[in-house]
Structures are given as C-alpha cells and as structure tokens.
Amino acid sequence: MGACANELKTDGCIWKDGLRMTKKKVAFICVHNSCRSQIAEALGKHLRGDEFDFYSAGTETKPQINQDAVRLMKQLYGIDMEQAQFSKTVDKIPAPDMAISMGCEVGCPYIGRDFDCDWGISDPTGESDERFTETIKHIEEHILAL
C-alpha cells in the first residue's frame, strides 16, 4: 500500500482510486552531464524513484561520468552510476514535466523550454572529497524536498 489507503503501487505504476497515475518526469540539466546532474539522477532514482522518473542531460557530453562522483556515490550510497547512466544530451531524454538546472556558472543551456528551478549548485570537479560530499548531500536535500 502507498501513503494513502486508496493507492496501490504495482509494476512501477501508481494506481489511485482505480485510475493509473503516471509519474512525473524530472530532468536535471547542466552543460556537460558528467557530475552534478548525474549525481541528481542517481539519487533521485535511489531516494524517490517510486514517485518520479528521473533523467539527466546536458548540451554537451563527456566520455565518462566524473570518476570522483562515481567513487563517492558508490561509497556513500552503494550506487554504481556507471551501471545504468551515461553522459547524454537533452534530445536523448523524454520531454520532462519538470526541468531543473544544477547551476549556471557558465551560462544555462537552452533546452527548448524554461527551467522550473535552478538549484544553483556549484561544480565540485577538481575539489576535495569533502567538497564533493557536501555537494552530494546538498543535492540529496533538494531531491527529498521535491
């Protein structure tokens, strides 16, 4: 049973009062889709995947996900981001119901629509593990508040 007595979750679908409720699609967008947006996608799926469908994308790609992010997400949550995720552009994900910018230090990419929110999270690439962990925890707080 879900949070309400009249909700039932089966096969990834939410049924309420006999009607199928589709999950909202949330996209996390940054320029390279290699660090913050990938962390957000992984944490979203891990923490709230039964409520939302999560995606990440950028306007450019990198050959691999940031290895510090991969290592720390595995260490902190047991999540292997390289198992199911890869760097991709906005045109490779479904049209989101909600688009969240991770932070626009270098200018927000245009994705064909306005952003619903800008989390303003700075890129921890090249920083200490402590700084990375702070970023990951900040993203977690935002995901839990969705």
C-alpha atoms as a PDB file:
ATOM      1  CA  MET A   1       0.000   0.000   0.000  1.00  0.00           C
ATOM      2  CA  GLY A   2       1.115   3.560  -0.690  1.00  0.00           C
ATOM      3  CA  ALA A   3       0.958   6.518   1.640  1.00  0.00           C
ATOM      4  CA  CYS A   4      -2.819   6.647   1.245  1.00  0.00           C
ATOM      5  CA  ALA A   5      -5.123   3.687   1.762  1.00  0.00           C
ATOM      6  CA  ASN A   6      -6.585   4.215  -1.720  1.00  0.00           C
ATOM      7  CA  GLU A   7      -3.214   3.998  -3.510  1.00  0.00           C
ATOM      8  CA  LEU A   8      -1.583   0.788  -4.742  1.00  0.00           C
ATOM      9  CA  LYS A   9       1.791   0.553  -6.493  1.00  0.00           C
ATOM     10  CA  THR A  10       2.329  -2.258  -8.987  1.00  0.00           C
ATOM     11  CA  ASP A  11       4.831  -2.680 -11.807  1.00  0.00           C
ATOM     12  CA  GLY A  12       6.159   0.851 -11.311  1.00  0.00           C
ATOM     13  CA  CYS A  13       2.712   2.387 -11.837  1.00  0.00           C
ATOM     14  CA  ILE A  14       0.746   4.187  -9.190  1.00  0.00           C
ATOM     15  CA  TRP A  15      -2.960   3.419  -9.062  1.00  0.00           C
ATOM     16  CA  LYS A  16      -5.246   5.730  -7.141  1.00  0.00           C
ATOM     17  CA  ASP A  17      -8.980   5.203  -6.816  1.00  0.00           C
ATOM     18  CA  GLY A  18      -8.821   2.663  -9.661  1.00  0.00           C
ATOM     19  CA  LEU A  19      -7.058   5.078 -12.059  1.00  0.00           C
ATOM     20  CA  ARG A  20      -3.487   4.768 -13.331  1.00  0.00           C
ATOM     21  CA  MET A  21      -1.408   7.765 -12.269  1.00  0.00           C
ATOM     22  CA  THR A  22       1.717   8.388 -14.309  1.00  0.00           C
ATOM     23  CA  LYS A  23       4.884   9.523 -12.616  1.00  0.00           C
ATOM     24  CA  LYS A  24       6.186  12.990 -13.432  1.00  0.00           C
ATOM     25  CA  LYS A  25       9.427  13.141 -15.425  1.00  0.00           C
ATOM     26  CA  VAL A  26      12.136  15.225 -13.754  1.00  0.00           C
ATOM     27  CA  ALA A  27      15.236  16.211 -15.735  1.00  0.00           C
ATOM     28  CA  PHE A  28      18.424  17.553 -14.186  1.00  0.00           C
ATOM     29  CA  ILE A  29      20.338  19.680 -16.679  1.00  0.00           C
ATOM     30  CA  CYS A  30      23.880  21.015 -16.737  1.00  0.00           C
ATOM     31  CA  VAL A  31      26.291  21.715 -19.562  1.00  0.00           C
ATOM     32  CA  HIS A  32      28.381  18.510 -19.640  1.00  0.00           C
ATOM     33  CA  ASN A  33      26.095  15.977 -17.918  1.00  0.00           C
ATOM     34  CA  SER A  34      29.053  14.400 -16.167  1.00  0.00           C
ATOM     35  CA  CYS A  35      28.841  15.290 -12.469  1.00  0.00           C
ATOM     36  CA  ARG A  36      26.054  17.190 -10.644  1.00  0.00           C
ATOM     37  CA  SER A  37      23.215  16.210 -12.954  1.00  0.00           C
ATOM     38  CA  GLN A  38      24.386  12.579 -12.925  1.00  0.00           C
ATOM     39  CA  ILE A  39      24.502  12.613  -9.106  1.00  0.00           C
ATOM     40  CA  ALA A  40      20.972  14.068  -9.046  1.00  0.00           C
ATOM     41  CA  GLU A  41      19.640  11.425 -11.446  1.00  0.00           C
ATOM     42  CA  ALA A  42      21.180   8.607  -9.395  1.00  0.00           C
ATOM     43  CA  LEU A  43      19.990   9.990  -6.053  1.00  0.00           C
ATOM     44  CA  GLY A  44      16.541  10.714  -7.454  1.00  0.00           C
ATOM     45  CA  LYS A  45      16.132   7.135  -8.634  1.00  0.00           C
ATOM     46  CA  HIS A  46      17.524   5.806  -5.349  1.00  0.00           C
ATOM     47  CA  LEU A  47      15.510   8.002  -2.980  1.00  0.00           C
ATOM     48  CA  ARG A  48      12.281   8.784  -4.850  1.00  0.00           C
ATOM     49  CA  GLY A  49      12.168   6.551  -7.905  1.00  0.00           C
ATOM     50  CA  ASP A  50       8.783   5.192  -6.885  1.00  0.00           C
ATOM     51  CA  GLU A  51       7.316   8.707  -7.167  1.00  0.00           C
ATOM     52  CA  PHE A  52       9.136  10.258 -10.154  1.00  0.00           C
ATOM     53  CA  ASP A  53      11.041   9.231 -13.279  1.00  0.00           C
ATOM     54  CA  PHE A  54      14.451  10.906 -13.169  1.00  0.00           C
ATOM     55  CA  TYR A  55      16.766  11.814 -16.049  1.00  0.00           C
ATOM     56  CA  SER A  56      19.878  13.878 -16.527  1.00  0.00           C
ATOM     57  CA  ALA A  57      21.252  15.551 -19.632  1.00  0.00           C
ATOM     58  CA  GLY A  58      23.431  18.349 -20.915  1.00  0.00           C
ATOM     59  CA  THR A  59      24.055  20.376 -24.017  1.00  0.00           C
ATOM     60  CA  GLU A  60      27.415  18.633 -24.419  1.00  0.00           C
ATOM     61  CA  THR A  61      28.710  15.257 -23.281  1.00  0.00           C
ATOM     62  CA  LYS A  62      31.846  13.865 -21.694  1.00  0.00           C
ATOM     63  CA  PRO A  63      33.295  10.430 -22.471  1.00  0.00           C
ATOM     64  CA  GLN A  64      32.593   9.276 -18.898  1.00  0.00           C
ATOM     65  CA  ILE A  65      30.895  10.328 -15.687  1.00  0.00           C
ATOM     66  CA  ASN A  66      33.148  12.196 -13.258  1.00  0.00           C
ATOM     67  CA  GLN A  67      35.126   9.452 -11.519  1.00  0.00           C
ATOM     68  CA  ASP A  68      35.153  11.209  -8.139  1.00  0.00           C
ATOM     69  CA  ALA A  69      31.353  11.362  -8.268  1.00  0.00           C
ATOM     70  CA  VAL A  70      31.190   7.678  -9.253  1.00  0.00           C
ATOM     71  CA  ARG A  71      33.528   6.663  -6.399  1.00  0.00           C
ATOM     72  CA  LEU A  72      31.786   8.733  -3.718  1.00  0.00           C
ATOM     73  CA  MET A  73      28.246   7.748  -4.737  1.00  0.00           C
ATOM     74  CA  LYS A  74      29.312   4.100  -4.532  1.00  0.00           C
ATOM     75  CA  GLN A  75      30.936   4.702  -1.147  1.00  0.00           C
ATOM     76  CA  LEU A  76      28.086   6.762   0.370  1.00  0.00           C
ATOM     77  CA  TYR A  77      25.002   5.041  -1.093  1.00  0.00           C
ATOM     78  CA  GLY A  78      26.165   1.830  -2.758  1.00  0.00           C
ATOM     79  CA  ILE A  79      25.061   3.289  -6.114  1.00  0.00           C
ATOM     80  CA  ASP A  80      27.134   2.427  -9.187  1.00  0.00           C
ATOM     81  CA  MET A  81      26.274   5.291 -11.533  1.00  0.00           C
ATOM     82  CA  GLU A  82      28.209   3.696 -14.401  1.00  0.00           C
ATOM     83  CA  GLN A  83      25.889   0.654 -14.399  1.00  0.00           C
ATOM     84  CA  ALA A  84      22.827   2.453 -15.749  1.00  0.00           C
ATOM     85  CA  GLN A  85      23.923   6.005 -16.558  1.00  0.00           C
ATOM     86  CA  PHE A  86      25.984   7.745 -19.215  1.00  0.00           C
ATOM     87  CA  SER A  87      26.568  11.293 -20.414  1.00  0.00           C
ATOM     88  CA  LYS A  88      23.794  12.328 -22.829  1.00  0.00           C
ATOM     89  CA  THR A  89      22.342  15.402 -24.484  1.00  0.00           C
ATOM     90  CA  VAL A  90      18.889  16.848 -23.857  1.00  0.00           C
ATOM     91  CA  ASP A  91      17.494  15.417 -27.105  1.00  0.00           C
ATOM     92  CA  LYS A  92      18.177  11.873 -25.826  1.00  0.00           C
ATOM     93  CA  ILE A  93      15.725  12.017 -22.886  1.00  0.00           C
ATOM     94  CA  PRO A  94      11.913  12.252 -22.801  1.00  0.00           C
ATOM     95  CA  ALA A  95      10.350  15.705 -22.576  1.00  0.00           C
ATOM     96  CA  PRO A  96      10.356  16.471 -18.851  1.00  0.00           C
ATOM     97  CA  ASP A  97       7.449  17.658 -16.749  1.00  0.00           C
ATOM     98  CA  MET A  98       9.989  19.471 -14.590  1.00  0.00           C
ATOM     99  CA  ALA A  99      13.407  20.752 -15.724  1.00  0.00           C
ATOM    100  CA  ILE A 100      15.943  21.651 -13.051  1.00  0.00           C
ATOM    101  CA  SER A 101      19.195  23.448 -13.762  1.00  0.00           C
ATOM    102  CA  MET A 102      22.007  22.362 -11.473  1.00  0.00           C
ATOM    103  CA  GLY A 103      23.669  25.785 -11.565  1.00  0.00           C
ATOM    104  CA  CYS A 104      24.591  28.177 -14.294  1.00  0.00           C
ATOM    105  CA  GLU A 105      28.105  29.352 -13.573  1.00  0.00           C
ATOM    106  CA  VAL A 106      28.958  29.168 -17.273  1.00  0.00           C
ATOM    107  CA  GLY A 107      25.504  30.104 -18.583  1.00  0.00           C
ATOM    108  CA  CYS A 108      22.367  27.996 -18.547  1.00  0.00           C
ATOM    109  CA  PRO A 109      21.924  25.849 -21.627  1.00  0.00           C
ATOM    110  CA  TYR A 110      18.728  26.410 -23.587  1.00  0.00           C
ATOM    111  CA  ILE A 111      16.810  23.140 -23.695  1.00  0.00           C
ATOM    112  CA  GLY A 112      13.765  24.204 -25.671  1.00  0.00           C
ATOM    113  CA  ARG A 113      11.850  25.412 -22.630  1.00  0.00           C
ATOM    114  CA  ASP A 114      12.324  27.432 -19.456  1.00  0.00           C
ATOM    115  CA  PHE A 115      13.714  25.814 -16.325  1.00  0.00           C
ATOM    116  CA  ASP A 116      11.282  25.218 -13.487  1.00  0.00           C
ATOM    117  CA  CYS A 117      14.049  25.707 -10.959  1.00  0.00           C
ATOM    118  CA  ASP A 118      17.776  26.475 -10.726  1.00  0.00           C
ATOM    119  CA  TRP A 119      19.351  24.755  -7.744  1.00  0.00           C
ATOM    120  CA  GLY A 120      22.484  26.906  -8.056  1.00  0.00           C
ATOM    121  CA  ILE A 121      24.874  24.124  -7.044  1.00  0.00           C
ATOM    122  CA  SER A 122      28.480  24.816  -7.988  1.00  0.00           C
ATOM    123  CA  ASP A 123      30.535  22.163  -9.771  1.00  0.00           C
ATOM    124  CA  PRO A 124      32.828  20.272  -7.349  1.00  0.00           C
ATOM    125  CA  THR A 125      35.050  18.888 -10.130  1.00  0.00           C
ATOM    126  CA  GLY A 126      38.685  19.065  -9.077  1.00  0.00           C
ATOM    127  CA  GLU A 127      37.766  19.758  -5.450  1.00  0.00           C
ATOM    128  CA  SER A 128      38.333  17.663  -2.300  1.00  0.00           C
ATOM    129  CA  ASP A 129      36.236  14.644  -1.301  1.00  0.00           C
ATOM    130  CA  GLU A 130      34.789  16.795   1.483  1.00  0.00           C
ATOM    131  CA  ARG A 131      33.583  19.377  -1.055  1.00  0.00           C
ATOM    132  CA  PHE A 132      32.145  16.603  -3.275  1.00  0.00           C
ATOM    133  CA  THR A 133      30.333  15.080  -0.309  1.00  0.00           C
ATOM    134  CA  GLU A 134      28.845  18.475   0.614  1.00  0.00           C
ATOM    135  CA  THR A 135      27.578  18.818  -2.965  1.00  0.00           C
ATOM    136  CA  ILE A 136      26.085  15.317  -2.916  1.00  0.00           C
ATOM    137  CA  LYS A 137      24.329  15.988   0.410  1.00  0.00           C
ATOM    138  CA  HIS A 138      23.021  19.326  -0.907  1.00  0.00           C
ATOM    139  CA  ILE A 139      21.568  17.561  -3.948  1.00  0.00           C
ATOM    140  CA  GLU A 140      20.023  14.923  -1.645  1.00  0.00           C
ATOM    141  CA  GLU A 141      18.284  17.650   0.378  1.00  0.00           C
ATOM    142  CA  HIS A 142      16.793  19.135  -2.797  1.00  0.00           C
ATOM    143  CA  ILE A 143      15.594  15.733  -4.027  1.00  0.00           C
ATOM    144  CA  LEU A 144      13.896  14.965  -0.726  1.00  0.00           C
ATOM    145  CA  ALA A 145      12.163  18.375  -0.887  1.00  0.00           C
ATOM    146  CA  LEU A 146      10.703  17.838  -4.389  1.00  0.00           C
END
